[in-house]
Amino acid sequence: QALRQLLFLISGTTLNHLLLRKDTCSWSRGIQLRYNISQLEQWLRAEGLQQTGSREVLEPLVQAAQLLQVKKVTEEDAGALCSLCTVLSPQQVVKILRAYTPAAGLEERISPSFISSVELQAQYGGRPSQLLVDTSHLFPVHLPFISSPLHLDELRIPDALGLTFL
């Protein structure tokens, strides 16, 4: 549970930095993010922790990294992009696309028509409309209850503890 909370904090903070800093929205940063996330996922599998919900907490960051890596030119690309980003809100997708910095000489800037096409297709998704991730969110702690085989009337409390009222 503590690991899930920690990964949520890391994922939320990283996604917020992507959304707020234009210099982090590039193809190479997407590759770097995806590699780091895959290392975390590999560690979770090796430790047998993939059932803790930690993978789901990393999903928005995975989709943001994929968003930075996909082709962003045609109308079909816009549709594929919208179907890819199921966890990110439409505002987050559009913000990352607007902040995207193409590699010098290797890519073209994302056209405004492509961004408006993504906005139109993402509007009808019915997903939450938030921009930044609330990193102060705390997941509830679940403590399993295991009943004791001893009955309370069978317990003997030593007199040295000074708990005679029990």
N, C-alpha and C. Protein backbone atom coordinates (compact mmCIF):
# COMPACT_ATOMS: atom_id res chain seq x y z
N GLN A 1 0.83 -1.19 0.00
CA GLN A 1 0.00 0.00 0.00
C GLN A 1 0.87 1.25 0.00
N ALA A 2 1.96 1.18 0.74
CA ALA A 2 2.89 2.32 0.78
C ALA A 2 3.56 2.49 -0.58
N LEU A 3 3.89 1.39 -1.22
CA LEU A 3 4.50 1.46 -2.55
C LEU A 3 3.54 2.07 -3.56
N ARG A 4 2.28 1.70 -3.49
CA ARG A 4 1.28 2.26 -4.41
C ARG A 4 1.17 3.78 -4.21
N GLN A 5 1.17 4.23 -2.98
CA GLN A 5 1.09 5.67 -2.68
C GLN A 5 2.34 6.38 -3.20
N LEU A 6 3.50 5.78 -3.01
CA LEU A 6 4.74 6.38 -3.48
C LEU A 6 4.78 6.48 -5.01
N LEU A 7 4.35 5.41 -5.68
CA LEU A 7 4.32 5.44 -7.15
C LEU A 7 3.29 6.44 -7.67
N PHE A 8 2.18 6.62 -6.95
CA PHE A 8 1.20 7.63 -7.33
C PHE A 8 1.81 9.03 -7.23
N LEU A 9 2.55 9.27 -6.18
CA LEU A 9 3.20 10.57 -6.00
C LEU A 9 4.23 10.82 -7.10
N ILE A 10 5.03 9.82 -7.42
CA ILE A 10 6.03 9.95 -8.48
C ILE A 10 5.36 10.18 -9.82
N SER A 11 4.35 9.38 -10.13
CA SER A 11 3.65 9.49 -11.40
C SER A 11 2.94 10.84 -11.53
N GLY A 12 2.24 11.26 -10.49
CA GLY A 12 1.51 12.52 -10.52
C GLY A 12 2.44 13.72 -10.67
N THR A 13 3.54 13.71 -9.92
CA THR A 13 4.49 14.81 -10.01
C THR A 13 5.14 14.88 -11.38
N THR A 14 5.50 13.73 -11.93
CA THR A 14 6.12 13.70 -13.25
C THR A 14 5.14 14.17 -14.31
N LEU A 15 3.89 13.73 -14.24
CA LEU A 15 2.88 14.16 -15.21
C LEU A 15 2.63 15.67 -15.08
N ASN A 16 2.59 16.18 -13.87
CA ASN A 16 2.41 17.62 -13.67
C ASN A 16 3.57 18.41 -14.27
N HIS A 17 4.80 17.89 -14.14
CA HIS A 17 5.95 18.57 -14.75
C HIS A 17 5.84 18.55 -16.28
N LEU A 18 5.36 17.44 -16.82
CA LEU A 18 5.15 17.38 -18.28
C LEU A 18 4.14 18.44 -18.73
N LEU A 19 3.11 18.61 -17.94
CA LEU A 19 2.05 19.55 -18.30
C LEU A 19 2.46 21.01 -18.11
N LEU A 20 3.37 21.27 -17.20
CA LEU A 20 3.73 22.66 -16.88
C LEU A 20 5.02 23.14 -17.54
N ARG A 21 5.87 22.24 -17.96
CA ARG A 21 7.16 22.65 -18.52
C ARG A 21 7.26 22.23 -19.98
N LYS A 22 7.34 23.21 -20.84
CA LYS A 22 7.39 22.97 -22.28
C LYS A 22 8.65 22.19 -22.68
N ASP A 23 9.74 22.40 -21.98
CA ASP A 23 10.99 21.74 -22.35
C ASP A 23 10.99 20.24 -22.08
N THR A 24 9.99 19.73 -21.37
CA THR A 24 9.94 18.29 -21.10
C THR A 24 9.08 17.52 -22.11
N CYS A 25 8.37 18.22 -22.98
CA CYS A 25 7.48 17.56 -23.94
C CYS A 25 8.19 17.37 -25.27
N SER A 26 8.91 16.28 -25.38
CA SER A 26 9.62 15.96 -26.62
C SER A 26 9.66 14.45 -26.81
N TRP A 27 10.01 14.05 -28.01
CA TRP A 27 10.08 12.63 -28.35
C TRP A 27 11.12 11.92 -27.49
N SER A 28 12.29 12.54 -27.33
CA SER A 28 13.36 11.90 -26.55
C SER A 28 12.97 11.76 -25.08
N ARG A 29 12.23 12.73 -24.54
CA ARG A 29 11.77 12.63 -23.15
C ARG A 29 10.74 11.50 -23.02
N GLY A 30 9.92 11.32 -24.05
CA GLY A 30 8.97 10.21 -24.04
C GLY A 30 9.66 8.87 -23.99
N ILE A 31 10.75 8.74 -24.74
CA ILE A 31 11.52 7.49 -24.74
C ILE A 31 12.14 7.27 -23.35
N GLN A 32 12.69 8.33 -22.79
CA GLN A 32 13.32 8.22 -21.47
C GLN A 32 12.28 7.84 -20.41
N LEU A 33 11.11 8.46 -20.45
CA LEU A 33 10.04 8.13 -19.50
C LEU A 33 9.60 6.68 -19.64
N ARG A 34 9.38 6.25 -20.87
CA ARG A 34 8.92 4.88 -21.10
C ARG A 34 9.93 3.86 -20.61
N TYR A 35 11.22 4.15 -20.82
CA TYR A 35 12.26 3.24 -20.33
C TYR A 35 12.23 3.16 -18.81
N ASN A 36 12.15 4.31 -18.14
CA ASN A 36 12.14 4.33 -16.68
C ASN A 36 10.90 3.61 -16.13
N ILE A 37 9.77 3.81 -16.76
CA ILE A 37 8.54 3.14 -16.32
C ILE A 37 8.66 1.63 -16.52
N SER A 38 9.24 1.22 -17.64
CA SER A 38 9.40 -0.21 -17.88
C SER A 38 10.34 -0.85 -16.85
N GLN A 39 11.33 -0.09 -16.39
CA GLN A 39 12.21 -0.60 -15.33
C GLN A 39 11.43 -0.78 -14.03
N LEU A 40 10.56 0.18 -13.71
CA LEU A 40 9.71 0.05 -12.52
C LEU A 40 8.77 -1.15 -12.64
N GLU A 41 8.15 -1.31 -13.81
CA GLU A 41 7.24 -2.44 -14.02
C GLU A 41 7.97 -3.77 -13.92
N GLN A 42 9.17 -3.83 -14.45
CA GLN A 42 9.98 -5.05 -14.37
C GLN A 42 10.31 -5.36 -12.91
N TRP A 43 10.64 -4.35 -12.13
CA TRP A 43 10.92 -4.56 -10.71
C TRP A 43 9.68 -5.04 -9.98
N LEU A 44 8.52 -4.46 -10.29
CA LEU A 44 7.27 -4.89 -9.65
C LEU A 44 6.99 -6.36 -9.94
N ARG A 45 7.21 -6.78 -11.20
CA ARG A 45 7.01 -8.19 -11.55
C ARG A 45 8.00 -9.09 -10.82
N ALA A 46 9.26 -8.67 -10.77
CA ALA A 46 10.30 -9.48 -10.11
C ALA A 46 10.02 -9.66 -8.62
N GLU A 47 9.43 -8.64 -7.99
CA GLU A 47 9.14 -8.70 -6.56
C GLU A 47 7.75 -9.27 -6.28
N GLY A 48 6.99 -9.59 -7.33
CA GLY A 48 5.65 -10.15 -7.15
C GLY A 48 4.64 -9.12 -6.67
N LEU A 49 4.83 -7.86 -7.04
CA LEU A 49 3.97 -6.78 -6.56
C LEU A 49 3.04 -6.23 -7.63
N GLN A 50 2.87 -6.95 -8.73
CA GLN A 50 2.02 -6.43 -9.81
C GLN A 50 0.55 -6.43 -9.45
N GLN A 51 0.13 -7.13 -8.41
CA GLN A 51 -1.28 -7.17 -8.00
C GLN A 51 -1.62 -6.10 -6.98
N THR A 52 -0.71 -5.19 -6.68
CA THR A 52 -0.94 -4.19 -5.63
C THR A 52 -1.66 -2.94 -6.14
N GLY A 53 -1.93 -2.86 -7.43
CA GLY A 53 -2.57 -1.67 -7.99
C GLY A 53 -1.55 -0.63 -8.42
N SER A 54 -0.28 -0.95 -8.30
CA SER A 54 0.77 0.00 -8.66
C SER A 54 0.83 0.24 -10.16
N ARG A 55 0.54 -0.76 -10.94
CA ARG A 55 0.57 -0.62 -12.41
C ARG A 55 -0.49 0.38 -12.86
N GLU A 56 -1.67 0.34 -12.26
CA GLU A 56 -2.74 1.25 -12.62
C GLU A 56 -2.38 2.70 -12.28
N VAL A 57 -1.61 2.88 -11.21
CA VAL A 57 -1.19 4.22 -10.80
C VAL A 57 -0.22 4.82 -11.81
N LEU A 58 0.57 3.96 -12.46
CA LEU A 58 1.55 4.42 -13.45
C LEU A 58 0.94 4.64 -14.83
N GLU A 59 -0.29 4.18 -15.07
CA GLU A 59 -0.90 4.22 -16.40
C GLU A 59 -0.97 5.63 -17.01
N PRO A 60 -1.36 6.69 -16.27
CA PRO A 60 -1.37 8.01 -16.91
C PRO A 60 0.01 8.43 -17.43
N LEU A 61 1.05 8.09 -16.70
CA LEU A 61 2.40 8.43 -17.13
C LEU A 61 2.82 7.61 -18.36
N VAL A 62 2.40 6.34 -18.39
CA VAL A 62 2.67 5.49 -19.56
C VAL A 62 2.01 6.09 -20.79
N GLN A 63 0.76 6.51 -20.66
CA GLN A 63 0.05 7.07 -21.81
C GLN A 63 0.65 8.40 -22.24
N ALA A 64 1.11 9.21 -21.30
CA ALA A 64 1.76 10.48 -21.65
C ALA A 64 3.05 10.22 -22.41
N ALA A 65 3.82 9.22 -21.99
CA ALA A 65 5.05 8.87 -22.69
C ALA A 65 4.75 8.37 -24.10
N GLN A 66 3.70 7.55 -24.25
CA GLN A 66 3.31 7.07 -25.57
C GLN A 66 2.82 8.22 -26.46
N LEU A 67 2.12 9.17 -25.85
CA LEU A 67 1.63 10.34 -26.58
C LEU A 67 2.79 11.13 -27.16
N LEU A 68 3.88 11.23 -26.42
CA LEU A 68 5.06 11.94 -26.91
C LEU A 68 5.75 11.19 -28.04
N GLN A 69 5.53 9.89 -28.15
CA GLN A 69 6.24 9.08 -29.13
C GLN A 69 5.47 8.81 -30.41
N VAL A 70 4.14 8.91 -30.39
CA VAL A 70 3.36 8.53 -31.58
C VAL A 70 3.45 9.59 -32.67
N LYS A 71 3.10 9.17 -33.87
CA LYS A 71 3.05 10.08 -35.01
C LYS A 71 1.85 11.02 -34.85
N LYS A 72 2.06 12.29 -35.14
CA LYS A 72 1.02 13.29 -34.91
C LYS A 72 0.85 14.16 -36.16
N VAL A 73 0.29 13.56 -37.24
CA VAL A 73 0.19 14.31 -38.48
C VAL A 73 -1.22 14.26 -39.07
N THR A 74 -1.75 13.07 -39.31
CA THR A 74 -3.00 12.92 -40.05
C THR A 74 -4.21 12.78 -39.13
N GLU A 75 -5.38 12.78 -39.77
CA GLU A 75 -6.65 12.61 -39.05
C GLU A 75 -6.72 11.22 -38.40
N GLU A 76 -6.17 10.21 -39.07
CA GLU A 76 -6.14 8.86 -38.50
C GLU A 76 -5.26 8.82 -37.26
N ASP A 77 -4.16 9.59 -37.29
CA ASP A 77 -3.28 9.66 -36.12
C ASP A 77 -4.03 10.26 -34.93
N ALA A 78 -4.88 11.26 -35.21
CA ALA A 78 -5.66 11.89 -34.14
C ALA A 78 -6.62 10.87 -33.51
N GLY A 79 -7.26 10.06 -34.34
CA GLY A 79 -8.17 9.03 -33.83
C GLY A 79 -7.43 7.99 -33.01
N ALA A 80 -6.27 7.57 -33.51
CA ALA A 80 -5.47 6.58 -32.79
C ALA A 80 -4.99 7.15 -31.46
N LEU A 81 -4.62 8.42 -31.48
CA LEU A 81 -4.15 9.08 -30.28
C LEU A 81 -5.25 9.15 -29.22
N CYS A 82 -6.47 9.46 -29.65
CA CYS A 82 -7.61 9.54 -28.71
C CYS A 82 -7.94 8.17 -28.14
N SER A 83 -7.83 7.13 -28.95
CA SER A 83 -8.11 5.79 -28.43
C SER A 83 -6.98 5.29 -27.53
N LEU A 84 -5.78 5.82 -27.72
CA LEU A 84 -4.63 5.44 -26.91
C LEU A 84 -4.71 6.05 -25.50
N CYS A 85 -5.13 7.30 -25.43
CA CYS A 85 -5.13 8.05 -24.16
C CYS A 85 -6.48 7.93 -23.45
N THR A 86 -6.71 6.80 -22.83
CA THR A 86 -7.99 6.55 -22.17
C THR A 86 -8.01 7.04 -20.73
N VAL A 87 -6.85 7.17 -20.09
CA VAL A 87 -6.78 7.59 -18.70
C VAL A 87 -6.54 9.09 -18.58
N LEU A 88 -5.85 9.65 -19.55
CA LEU A 88 -5.59 11.10 -19.54
C LEU A 88 -6.86 11.85 -19.91
N SER A 89 -7.03 13.02 -19.31
CA SER A 89 -8.19 13.85 -19.67
C SER A 89 -7.91 14.56 -21.00
N PRO A 90 -8.96 14.96 -21.72
CA PRO A 90 -8.75 15.68 -22.98
C PRO A 90 -7.90 16.93 -22.80
N GLN A 91 -8.06 17.63 -21.68
CA GLN A 91 -7.26 18.83 -21.43
C GLN A 91 -5.77 18.48 -21.30
N GLN A 92 -5.48 17.35 -20.67
CA GLN A 92 -4.09 16.94 -20.53
C GLN A 92 -3.48 16.59 -21.88
N VAL A 93 -4.23 15.88 -22.70
CA VAL A 93 -3.74 15.50 -24.03
C VAL A 93 -3.44 16.74 -24.86
N VAL A 94 -4.38 17.68 -24.89
CA VAL A 94 -4.22 18.89 -25.68
C VAL A 94 -3.07 19.74 -25.15
N LYS A 95 -2.93 19.82 -23.83
CA LYS A 95 -1.84 20.61 -23.24
C LYS A 95 -0.49 20.02 -23.62
N ILE A 96 -0.36 18.70 -23.59
CA ILE A 96 0.91 18.07 -23.98
C ILE A 96 1.17 18.30 -25.46
N LEU A 97 0.14 18.19 -26.30
CA LEU A 97 0.32 18.42 -27.73
C LEU A 97 0.73 19.86 -28.02
N ARG A 98 0.17 20.81 -27.32
CA ARG A 98 0.52 22.22 -27.54
C ARG A 98 1.93 22.53 -27.05
N ALA A 99 2.37 21.84 -26.01
CA ALA A 99 3.71 22.08 -25.46
C ALA A 99 4.78 21.25 -26.16
N TYR A 100 4.37 20.34 -27.03
CA TYR A 100 5.32 19.42 -27.68
C TYR A 100 6.37 20.20 -28.47
N THR A 101 7.62 19.86 -28.25
CA THR A 101 8.74 20.48 -28.95
C THR A 101 9.35 19.43 -29.89
N PRO A 102 9.26 19.65 -31.21
CA PRO A 102 9.81 18.66 -32.14
C PRO A 102 11.34 18.67 -32.12
N ALA A 103 11.92 17.52 -32.45
CA ALA A 103 13.37 17.42 -32.53
C ALA A 103 13.86 18.28 -33.70
N ALA A 104 14.92 19.00 -33.48
CA ALA A 104 15.42 19.94 -34.48
C ALA A 104 15.78 19.22 -35.78
N GLY A 105 15.09 19.59 -36.86
CA GLY A 105 15.38 19.05 -38.18
C GLY A 105 14.82 17.67 -38.46
N LEU A 106 14.28 17.01 -37.44
CA LEU A 106 13.78 15.65 -37.63
C LEU A 106 12.26 15.58 -37.69
N GLU A 107 11.59 16.54 -37.08
CA GLU A 107 10.13 16.53 -37.02
C GLU A 107 9.59 17.91 -37.36
N GLU A 108 8.32 17.92 -37.71
CA GLU A 108 7.63 19.19 -37.93
C GLU A 108 6.82 19.52 -36.67
N ARG A 109 6.48 20.79 -36.53
CA ARG A 109 5.61 21.19 -35.42
C ARG A 109 4.23 20.57 -35.63
N ILE A 110 3.53 20.36 -34.53
CA ILE A 110 2.18 19.82 -34.62
C ILE A 110 1.27 20.93 -35.13
N SER A 111 0.51 20.64 -36.16
CA SER A 111 -0.34 21.66 -36.76
C SER A 111 -1.54 21.96 -35.87
N PRO A 112 -2.02 23.21 -35.89
CA PRO A 112 -3.20 23.57 -35.11
C PRO A 112 -4.44 22.77 -35.54
N SER A 113 -4.52 22.40 -36.82
CA SER A 113 -5.66 21.60 -37.28
C SER A 113 -5.64 20.21 -36.65
N PHE A 114 -4.46 19.65 -36.46
CA PHE A 114 -4.35 18.34 -35.81
C PHE A 114 -4.81 18.44 -34.35
N ILE A 115 -4.38 19.49 -33.66
CA ILE A 115 -4.77 19.67 -32.26
C ILE A 115 -6.28 19.87 -32.14
N SER A 116 -6.87 20.65 -33.05
CA SER A 116 -8.32 20.85 -32.99
C SER A 116 -9.06 19.56 -33.32
N SER A 117 -8.49 18.74 -34.21
CA SER A 117 -9.09 17.44 -34.51
C SER A 117 -9.08 16.54 -33.28
N VAL A 118 -7.98 16.55 -32.54
CA VAL A 118 -7.88 15.77 -31.31
C VAL A 118 -8.87 16.30 -30.27
N GLU A 119 -9.01 17.61 -30.17
CA GLU A 119 -9.96 18.21 -29.23
C GLU A 119 -11.39 17.77 -29.54
N LEU A 120 -11.75 17.77 -30.81
CA LEU A 120 -13.10 17.36 -31.21
C LEU A 120 -13.36 15.90 -30.89
N GLN A 121 -12.39 15.05 -31.19
CA GLN A 121 -12.58 13.62 -30.95
C GLN A 121 -12.54 13.28 -29.47
N ALA A 122 -11.78 14.02 -28.69
CA ALA A 122 -11.64 13.73 -27.26
C ALA A 122 -12.81 14.27 -26.45
N GLN A 123 -13.55 15.23 -26.98
CA GLN A 123 -14.68 15.82 -26.25
C GLN A 123 -15.73 14.79 -25.88
N TYR A 124 -15.95 13.83 -26.73
CA TYR A 124 -17.06 12.90 -26.54
C TYR A 124 -16.68 11.69 -25.72
N GLY A 125 -15.49 11.68 -25.13
CA GLY A 125 -15.05 10.54 -24.35
C GLY A 125 -15.71 10.43 -22.99
N GLY A 126 -16.21 11.52 -22.44
CA GLY A 126 -16.84 11.49 -21.13
C GLY A 126 -15.86 11.25 -20.00
N ARG A 127 -14.60 11.56 -20.23
CA ARG A 127 -13.58 11.36 -19.20
C ARG A 127 -13.52 12.57 -18.28
N PRO A 128 -12.91 12.44 -17.11
CA PRO A 128 -12.81 13.57 -16.20
C PRO A 128 -12.03 14.73 -16.84
N SER A 129 -12.40 15.95 -16.47
CA SER A 129 -11.79 17.12 -17.11
C SER A 129 -10.86 17.86 -16.15
N GLN A 130 -9.78 17.24 -15.78
CA GLN A 130 -8.81 17.86 -14.90
C GLN A 130 -7.53 18.09 -15.68
N LEU A 131 -6.77 19.07 -15.26
CA LEU A 131 -5.49 19.31 -15.93
C LEU A 131 -4.35 18.72 -15.11
N LEU A 132 -4.18 19.19 -13.89
CA LEU A 132 -3.09 18.71 -13.06
C LEU A 132 -3.56 17.57 -12.15
N VAL A 133 -2.63 16.73 -11.77
CA VAL A 133 -2.92 15.62 -10.88
C VAL A 133 -2.79 16.11 -9.44
N ASP A 134 -3.77 15.81 -8.62
CA ASP A 134 -3.74 16.17 -7.21
C ASP A 134 -2.83 15.19 -6.48
N THR A 135 -1.58 15.59 -6.27
CA THR A 135 -0.60 14.69 -5.66
C THR A 135 -0.79 14.56 -4.15
N SER A 136 -1.70 15.34 -3.58
CA SER A 136 -1.95 15.21 -2.14
C SER A 136 -3.00 14.14 -1.84
N HIS A 137 -3.54 13.51 -2.89
CA HIS A 137 -4.53 12.44 -2.70
C HIS A 137 -3.90 11.27 -1.94
N LEU A 138 -4.60 10.77 -0.95
CA LEU A 138 -4.12 9.62 -0.18
C LEU A 138 -5.05 8.45 -0.39
N PHE A 139 -4.49 7.31 -0.71
CA PHE A 139 -5.27 6.10 -0.84
C PHE A 139 -5.60 5.57 0.55
N PRO A 140 -6.78 4.98 0.74
CA PRO A 140 -7.12 4.44 2.06
C PRO A 140 -6.23 3.24 2.40
N VAL A 141 -5.95 3.11 3.67
CA VAL A 141 -5.13 1.99 4.15
C VAL A 141 -6.07 0.86 4.53
N HIS A 142 -5.81 -0.31 4.02
CA HIS A 142 -6.63 -1.49 4.33
C HIS A 142 -5.81 -2.43 5.21
N LEU A 143 -6.29 -2.63 6.43
CA LEU A 143 -5.64 -3.55 7.34
C LEU A 143 -6.52 -4.79 7.46
N PRO A 144 -5.99 -5.93 7.11
CA PRO A 144 -6.82 -7.14 7.19
C PRO A 144 -7.08 -7.53 8.65
N PHE A 145 -8.31 -7.98 8.91
CA PHE A 145 -8.67 -8.43 10.25
C PHE A 145 -8.54 -9.94 10.31
N ILE A 146 -7.78 -10.40 11.28
CA ILE A 146 -7.61 -11.83 11.50
C ILE A 146 -8.04 -12.10 12.94
N SER A 147 -9.08 -12.87 13.09
CA SER A 147 -9.58 -13.13 14.45
C SER A 147 -8.63 -14.06 15.19
N SER A 148 -8.58 -13.87 16.50
CA SER A 148 -7.70 -14.67 17.34
C SER A 148 -8.43 -15.95 17.76
N PRO A 149 -7.70 -17.05 17.83
CA PRO A 149 -8.34 -18.30 18.29
C PRO A 149 -8.59 -18.28 19.81
N LEU A 150 -8.00 -17.33 20.53
CA LEU A 150 -8.19 -17.24 21.99
C LEU A 150 -9.41 -16.39 22.30
N HIS A 151 -10.15 -16.77 23.31
CA HIS A 151 -11.27 -15.98 23.80
C HIS A 151 -10.77 -15.04 24.87
N LEU A 152 -11.38 -13.87 24.99
CA LEU A 152 -10.93 -12.89 25.97
C LEU A 152 -11.01 -13.40 27.41
N ASP A 153 -11.97 -14.23 27.72
CA ASP A 153 -12.09 -14.73 29.10
C ASP A 153 -11.00 -15.75 29.43
N GLU A 154 -10.28 -16.24 28.43
CA GLU A 154 -9.20 -17.19 28.65
C GLU A 154 -7.87 -16.48 28.92
N LEU A 155 -7.78 -15.20 28.64
CA LEU A 155 -6.53 -14.47 28.81
C LEU A 155 -6.26 -14.20 30.29
N ARG A 156 -5.03 -14.34 30.72
CA ARG A 156 -4.61 -14.04 32.09
C ARG A 156 -3.58 -12.91 32.01
N ILE A 157 -3.92 -11.79 32.66
CA ILE A 157 -3.03 -10.63 32.64
C ILE A 157 -2.20 -10.66 33.92
N PRO A 158 -0.88 -10.59 33.80
CA PRO A 158 -0.02 -10.64 35.00
C PRO A 158 -0.27 -9.43 35.90
N ASP A 159 -0.21 -9.65 37.21
CA ASP A 159 -0.42 -8.58 38.19
C ASP A 159 0.68 -7.52 38.11
N ALA A 160 1.85 -7.90 37.63
CA ALA A 160 2.98 -6.97 37.55
C ALA A 160 2.70 -5.82 36.58
N LEU A 161 1.75 -5.98 35.66
CA LEU A 161 1.43 -4.92 34.71
C LEU A 161 0.57 -3.83 35.33
N GLY A 162 -0.04 -4.10 36.47
CA GLY A 162 -0.86 -3.11 37.15
C GLY A 162 -2.15 -2.81 36.42
N LEU A 163 -2.72 -3.80 35.78
CA LEU A 163 -3.97 -3.64 35.04
C LEU A 163 -5.06 -4.47 35.69
N THR A 164 -5.21 -4.34 36.98
CA THR A 164 -6.19 -5.15 37.71
C THR A 164 -7.62 -4.81 37.35
N PHE A 165 -7.86 -3.62 36.80
CA PHE A 165 -9.22 -3.25 36.42
C PHE A 165 -9.71 -4.05 35.21
N LEU A 166 -8.81 -4.69 34.50
CA LEU A 166 -9.21 -5.52 33.37
C LEU A 166 -9.62 -6.88 33.86
